Amino acid sequence: MESSCIITQVQREEPLVHPKQGLVSRSSPKKPRNRSIFKAFFCCFSAQNVNRPGGTGEPPTQKEETQTTPKSELLQCLQYQFYQIPGTSLLPEVVPKDKGKICMVIDLDETLVHSSFKPINNADFIVPVEIEGTTHQVYVLKRPYVDEFLERMGELYECVLFTASLAKYADPVTDLLDKGGVFQSRLFREACVFHQGCYVKDLSRLGRDLKKTIILDNSPASYIFHPENAVPVQSWFDDMGDTELLSLIPIFEELSDSEDIYASLGQLRAP
């Protein structure tokens, strides 16, 4: 196993809609995002025509109905059905202090931190990871305002870490990042659905009411099954002037009392 395979990341050179992969080195600075830009972000993603298992769309034509299903599509369908075992859920029962709160699913890499196997002089953490008998050092940078963001989200939401990276890397990184114990649960790559070459975070498997579940992730491929539950965030690598998480705090403060996140997010997406 190559060392980079334990971390699922997005490359800077690729469009945002591509799945995370590879490791990168440098990002360009950007201006702080205001509410109008946030709405534009939503409009961009909501305009995508995304097909997902169980979703609704145009009815198939008679020709399509009579066609033989390709083997690759059949395997994907069977794989998805395997993950949809009735009565199973990825998360335990909600703890008393989080009863009634919206569940916020938060990504790790390029959303809260950026990690590299190449030395970084100003790394916040250096995490040893053993791969096939060899210990590798992973250098981790924290996104600006991540501590303030997590602290406030822990007060308002039931927070769940959900990453497509392997637990052997993501778990120790989260231990160092989440000193306040904000994340009530942690989910890793094995909890994802591998769909059309992407690790997808299927929110329907969490065991939470979907109309009270939000996902914060930099990769639209991660929430392709539930784009209407997503709050997109720009990928972060090493821009220490970034204010993305800080700008999201008041937005999530406003959303935290929603009884139906579809209606609330719909208002934010409105032009």
Protein backbone atom coordinates (compact mmCIF):
# COMPACT_ATOMS: atom_id res chain seq x y z
CA MET A 1 0.00 0.00 0.00
CA GLU A 2 1.35 3.40 -0.96
CA SER A 3 1.60 5.80 1.97
CA SER A 4 -0.57 8.42 0.27
CA CYS A 5 -3.45 5.94 0.00
CA ILE A 6 -4.28 6.29 3.69
CA ILE A 7 -5.28 9.95 3.21
CA THR A 8 -8.08 10.82 0.82
CA GLN A 9 -7.55 14.34 -0.49
CA VAL A 10 -8.40 16.56 -3.42
CA GLN A 11 -5.73 17.91 -5.76
CA ARG A 12 -5.51 21.68 -6.24
CA GLU A 13 -5.25 21.41 -9.99
CA GLU A 14 -8.53 19.46 -10.26
CA PRO A 15 -12.03 20.99 -10.33
CA LEU A 16 -13.81 20.94 -6.97
CA VAL A 17 -16.27 18.31 -8.18
CA HIS A 18 -13.58 15.64 -8.49
CA PRO A 19 -13.08 13.07 -5.70
CA LYS A 20 -10.23 13.62 -3.27
CA GLN A 21 -6.97 11.95 -4.23
CA GLY A 22 -3.24 12.48 -4.09
CA LEU A 23 -1.26 15.02 -2.08
CA VAL A 24 -0.40 18.58 -2.95
CA SER A 25 1.86 21.38 -1.84
CA ARG A 26 0.57 24.95 -2.19
CA SER A 27 -2.60 27.04 -2.51
CA SER A 28 -3.39 30.54 -3.69
CA PRO A 29 -4.81 33.17 -1.30
CA LYS A 30 -8.48 34.12 -1.50
CA LYS A 31 -10.69 36.83 -0.07
CA PRO A 32 -13.05 36.20 2.89
CA ARG A 33 -16.43 34.89 1.81
CA ASN A 34 -19.60 36.80 2.60
CA ARG A 35 -23.24 35.69 2.58
CA SER A 36 -23.77 36.54 -1.10
CA ILE A 37 -20.80 34.40 -2.12
CA PHE A 38 -22.14 31.63 0.09
CA LYS A 39 -25.43 31.77 -1.81
CA ALA A 40 -23.56 31.68 -5.12
CA PHE A 41 -21.70 28.61 -3.90
CA PHE A 42 -24.99 26.88 -3.18
CA CYS A 43 -26.44 27.82 -6.56
CA CYS A 44 -23.41 26.34 -8.28
CA PHE A 45 -23.77 22.97 -6.59
CA SER A 46 -27.56 22.79 -6.70
CA ALA A 47 -27.41 23.28 -10.47
CA GLN A 48 -25.46 20.05 -10.92
CA ASN A 49 -27.49 17.18 -12.32
CA VAL A 50 -26.47 14.37 -9.99
CA ASN A 51 -27.91 10.87 -10.13
CA ARG A 52 -27.91 8.86 -6.93
CA PRO A 53 -29.25 5.50 -5.82
CA GLY A 54 -32.81 5.81 -4.60
CA GLY A 55 -33.18 9.29 -6.12
CA THR A 56 -36.00 10.45 -8.37
CA GLY A 57 -35.66 11.73 -11.90
CA GLU A 58 -37.14 11.49 -15.35
CA PRO A 59 -38.91 8.16 -16.00
CA PRO A 60 -36.97 5.80 -18.27
CA THR A 61 -38.03 5.50 -21.87
CA GLN A 62 -39.32 2.20 -23.21
CA LYS A 63 -36.01 1.66 -24.97
CA GLU A 64 -34.09 2.19 -21.72
CA GLU A 65 -36.37 -0.21 -19.85
CA THR A 66 -35.69 -3.01 -22.28
CA GLN A 67 -31.92 -2.59 -22.36
CA THR A 68 -29.74 -5.12 -20.58
CA THR A 69 -28.04 -3.65 -17.51
CA PRO A 70 -24.24 -3.53 -18.01
CA LYS A 71 -22.28 -5.73 -15.61
CA SER A 72 -20.41 -2.76 -14.11
CA GLU A 73 -23.67 -0.94 -13.30
CA LEU A 74 -25.17 -4.12 -11.86
CA LEU A 75 -22.19 -4.57 -9.55
CA GLN A 76 -22.48 -0.96 -8.41
CA CYS A 77 -26.17 -1.47 -7.71
CA LEU A 78 -25.51 -4.65 -5.75
CA GLN A 79 -22.75 -2.93 -3.81
CA TYR A 80 -25.07 -0.10 -2.85
CA GLN A 81 -27.80 -2.54 -1.81
CA PHE A 82 -25.28 -4.33 0.39
CA TYR A 83 -24.71 -1.14 2.34
CA GLN A 84 -28.45 -0.52 2.69
CA ILE A 85 -29.11 -3.31 5.21
CA PRO A 86 -32.45 -2.57 6.91
CA GLY A 87 -32.27 -1.84 10.62
CA THR A 88 -28.57 -0.97 10.63
CA SER A 89 -27.06 2.44 11.31
CA LEU A 90 -23.55 3.81 11.57
CA LEU A 91 -24.12 5.97 14.65
CA PRO A 92 -25.11 5.01 18.20
CA GLU A 93 -28.08 6.53 19.99
CA VAL A 94 -27.92 10.28 20.51
CA VAL A 95 -26.40 11.21 23.89
CA PRO A 96 -28.71 13.16 26.24
CA LYS A 97 -26.92 16.50 25.79
CA ASP A 98 -27.45 16.37 22.02
CA LYS A 99 -31.14 15.37 22.05
CA GLY A 100 -33.08 17.54 19.64
CA LYS A 101 -29.97 18.97 17.98
CA ILE A 102 -29.23 18.81 14.28
CA CYS A 103 -26.55 16.28 13.37
CA MET A 104 -23.58 17.97 11.67
CA VAL A 105 -21.35 15.64 9.66
CA ILE A 106 -17.91 17.21 9.21
CA ASP A 107 -15.14 16.17 6.83
CA LEU A 108 -11.47 16.20 7.88
CA ASP A 109 -8.96 16.61 5.03
CA GLU A 110 -8.99 19.93 3.16
CA THR A 111 -12.00 20.96 5.28
CA LEU A 112 -10.44 21.18 8.77
CA VAL A 113 -6.80 20.27 8.12
CA HIS A 114 -4.29 19.57 5.37
CA SER A 115 -1.81 16.72 5.68
CA SER A 116 1.33 15.80 3.78
CA PHE A 117 4.01 13.12 3.87
CA LYS A 118 6.52 15.81 2.89
CA PRO A 119 7.97 17.84 5.79
CA ILE A 120 6.15 21.09 6.58
CA ASN A 121 8.11 23.61 8.65
CA ASN A 122 5.08 25.08 10.41
CA ALA A 123 3.16 21.83 10.94
CA ASP A 124 0.76 21.90 13.89
CA PHE A 125 1.03 18.13 14.37
CA ILE A 126 3.40 15.40 13.28
CA VAL A 127 1.64 12.05 13.41
CA PRO A 128 3.49 8.73 13.02
CA VAL A 129 1.57 6.23 10.91
CA GLU A 130 2.68 2.62 10.46
CA ILE A 131 2.20 1.21 6.97
CA GLU A 132 3.30 -2.33 6.16
CA GLY A 133 5.88 -2.36 8.93
CA THR A 134 7.32 1.08 8.17
CA THR A 135 6.54 4.19 10.21
CA HIS A 136 5.85 7.32 8.17
CA GLN A 137 5.58 10.85 9.53
CA VAL A 138 2.45 12.78 8.50
CA TYR A 139 2.71 16.57 8.76
CA VAL A 140 -0.60 18.24 9.57
CA LEU A 141 -1.63 21.89 9.25
CA LYS A 142 -4.75 23.18 11.00
CA ARG A 143 -7.07 25.42 9.00
CA PRO A 144 -7.31 28.94 10.46
CA TYR A 145 -10.13 29.32 13.04
CA VAL A 146 -10.72 25.57 13.21
CA ASP A 147 -10.56 25.62 17.02
CA GLU A 148 -13.14 28.41 17.30
CA PHE A 149 -15.33 26.72 14.70
CA LEU A 150 -15.35 23.32 16.39
CA GLU A 151 -15.94 24.79 19.83
CA ARG A 152 -19.03 26.68 18.66
CA MET A 153 -20.37 23.79 16.57
CA GLY A 154 -20.05 21.47 19.57
CA GLU A 155 -22.33 23.81 21.52
CA LEU A 156 -24.99 23.91 18.81
CA TYR A 157 -24.93 20.54 17.05
CA GLU A 158 -24.37 16.83 17.46
CA CYS A 159 -21.01 16.75 15.65
CA VAL A 160 -19.81 13.66 13.77
CA LEU A 161 -16.45 13.34 12.03
CA PHE A 162 -16.84 11.50 8.72
CA THR A 163 -13.72 11.08 6.60
CA ALA A 164 -12.83 8.90 3.63
CA SER A 165 -9.31 8.52 5.01
CA LEU A 166 -8.20 5.46 6.94
CA ALA A 167 -8.61 5.37 10.70
CA LYS A 168 -4.91 4.68 11.31
CA TYR A 169 -4.22 8.22 10.08
CA ALA A 170 -7.45 10.10 10.80
CA ASP A 171 -8.02 8.87 14.35
CA PRO A 172 -4.74 10.17 15.86
CA VAL A 173 -5.08 13.42 13.90
CA THR A 174 -8.57 13.91 15.33
CA ASP A 175 -7.29 13.14 18.84
CA LEU A 176 -4.89 16.08 18.50
CA LEU A 177 -7.37 18.34 16.73
CA ASP A 178 -10.41 17.75 18.93
CA LYS A 179 -9.07 18.36 22.43
CA GLY A 180 -12.50 19.49 23.61
CA GLY A 181 -14.26 16.28 22.61
CA VAL A 182 -16.61 17.95 20.14
CA PHE A 183 -17.03 14.88 17.94
CA GLN A 184 -19.48 12.45 19.49
CA SER A 185 -18.67 9.82 16.85
CA ARG A 186 -16.01 9.22 14.21
CA LEU A 187 -16.55 7.45 10.90
CA PHE A 188 -13.76 6.45 8.51
CA ARG A 189 -13.28 5.03 5.02
CA GLU A 190 -14.92 1.70 5.79
CA ALA A 191 -18.16 3.54 6.59
CA CYS A 192 -18.27 5.06 3.09
CA VAL A 193 -19.98 3.60 0.05
CA PHE A 194 -17.60 3.11 -2.88
CA HIS A 195 -19.71 4.36 -5.77
CA GLN A 196 -18.45 5.04 -9.30
CA GLY A 197 -14.85 5.41 -8.12
CA CYS A 198 -15.66 7.71 -5.19
CA TYR A 199 -15.95 7.25 -1.45
CA VAL A 200 -19.47 8.54 -0.77
CA LYS A 201 -20.81 9.41 2.68
CA ASP A 202 -24.33 8.02 2.64
CA LEU A 203 -26.23 10.06 5.21
CA SER A 204 -29.19 7.68 5.13
CA ARG A 205 -27.06 5.09 6.94
CA LEU A 206 -26.33 7.30 9.96
CA GLY A 207 -29.53 6.55 11.81
CA ARG A 208 -30.49 10.22 11.99
CA ASP A 209 -33.45 12.15 10.60
CA LEU A 210 -32.27 13.45 7.23
CA LYS A 211 -34.23 16.68 7.58
CA LYS A 212 -32.10 17.36 10.65
CA THR A 213 -28.74 16.33 9.19
CA ILE A 214 -26.13 18.60 7.56
CA ILE A 215 -22.83 17.65 5.94
CA LEU A 216 -19.88 20.04 5.67
CA ASP A 217 -17.39 18.82 3.07
CA ASN A 218 -15.06 20.27 0.44
CA SER A 219 -15.73 17.47 -2.06
CA PRO A 220 -19.20 17.27 -3.69
CA ALA A 221 -18.42 13.67 -4.62
CA SER A 222 -18.59 12.85 -0.91
CA TYR A 223 -22.25 13.86 -0.61
CA ILE A 224 -23.44 12.96 -4.10
CA PHE A 225 -26.35 10.96 -2.62
CA HIS A 226 -27.61 13.91 -0.54
CA PRO A 227 -26.54 17.22 -2.14
CA GLU A 228 -29.56 18.96 -0.61
CA ASN A 229 -28.11 18.30 2.88
CA ALA A 230 -24.72 19.80 2.07
CA VAL A 231 -23.03 23.04 2.96
CA PRO A 232 -20.06 23.22 0.57
CA VAL A 233 -16.73 24.52 1.82
CA GLN A 234 -13.74 25.49 -0.28
CA SER A 235 -10.75 23.15 -0.19
CA TRP A 236 -7.95 24.39 2.07
CA PHE A 237 -4.24 23.60 1.84
CA ASP A 238 -1.96 26.19 3.50
CA ASP A 239 -3.43 29.69 3.08
CA MET A 240 -3.07 31.06 6.62
CA GLY A 241 -5.21 34.07 5.70
CA ASP A 242 -8.22 31.85 5.05
CA THR A 243 -11.44 32.84 6.90
CA GLU A 244 -13.82 30.19 5.54
CA LEU A 245 -14.58 28.52 8.88
CA LEU A 246 -14.93 31.84 10.67
CA SER A 247 -17.46 33.06 8.08
CA LEU A 248 -19.50 29.88 8.48
CA ILE A 249 -20.04 30.26 12.24
CA PRO A 250 -22.88 32.84 12.04
CA ILE A 251 -24.52 30.85 9.23
CA PHE A 252 -24.55 27.69 11.31
CA GLU A 253 -25.73 29.61 14.35
CA GLU A 254 -28.76 30.63 12.29
CA LEU A 255 -29.34 27.08 11.01
CA SER A 256 -29.02 25.38 14.40
CA ASP A 257 -32.67 25.97 15.36
CA SER A 258 -34.12 24.63 12.12
CA GLU A 259 -36.76 21.94 12.30
CA ASP A 260 -36.25 21.16 8.62
CA ILE A 261 -32.82 21.87 7.16
CA TYR A 262 -34.14 21.49 3.61
CA ALA A 263 -36.29 24.58 4.01
CA SER A 264 -33.53 26.54 5.75
CA LEU A 265 -30.80 25.62 3.29
CA GLY A 266 -33.23 26.28 0.46
CA GLN A 267 -33.60 29.86 1.67
CA LEU A 268 -29.82 30.29 1.70
CA ARG A 269 -29.58 28.87 -1.81
CA ALA A 270 -32.24 31.26 -3.10
CA PRO A 271 -30.88 34.09 -5.30
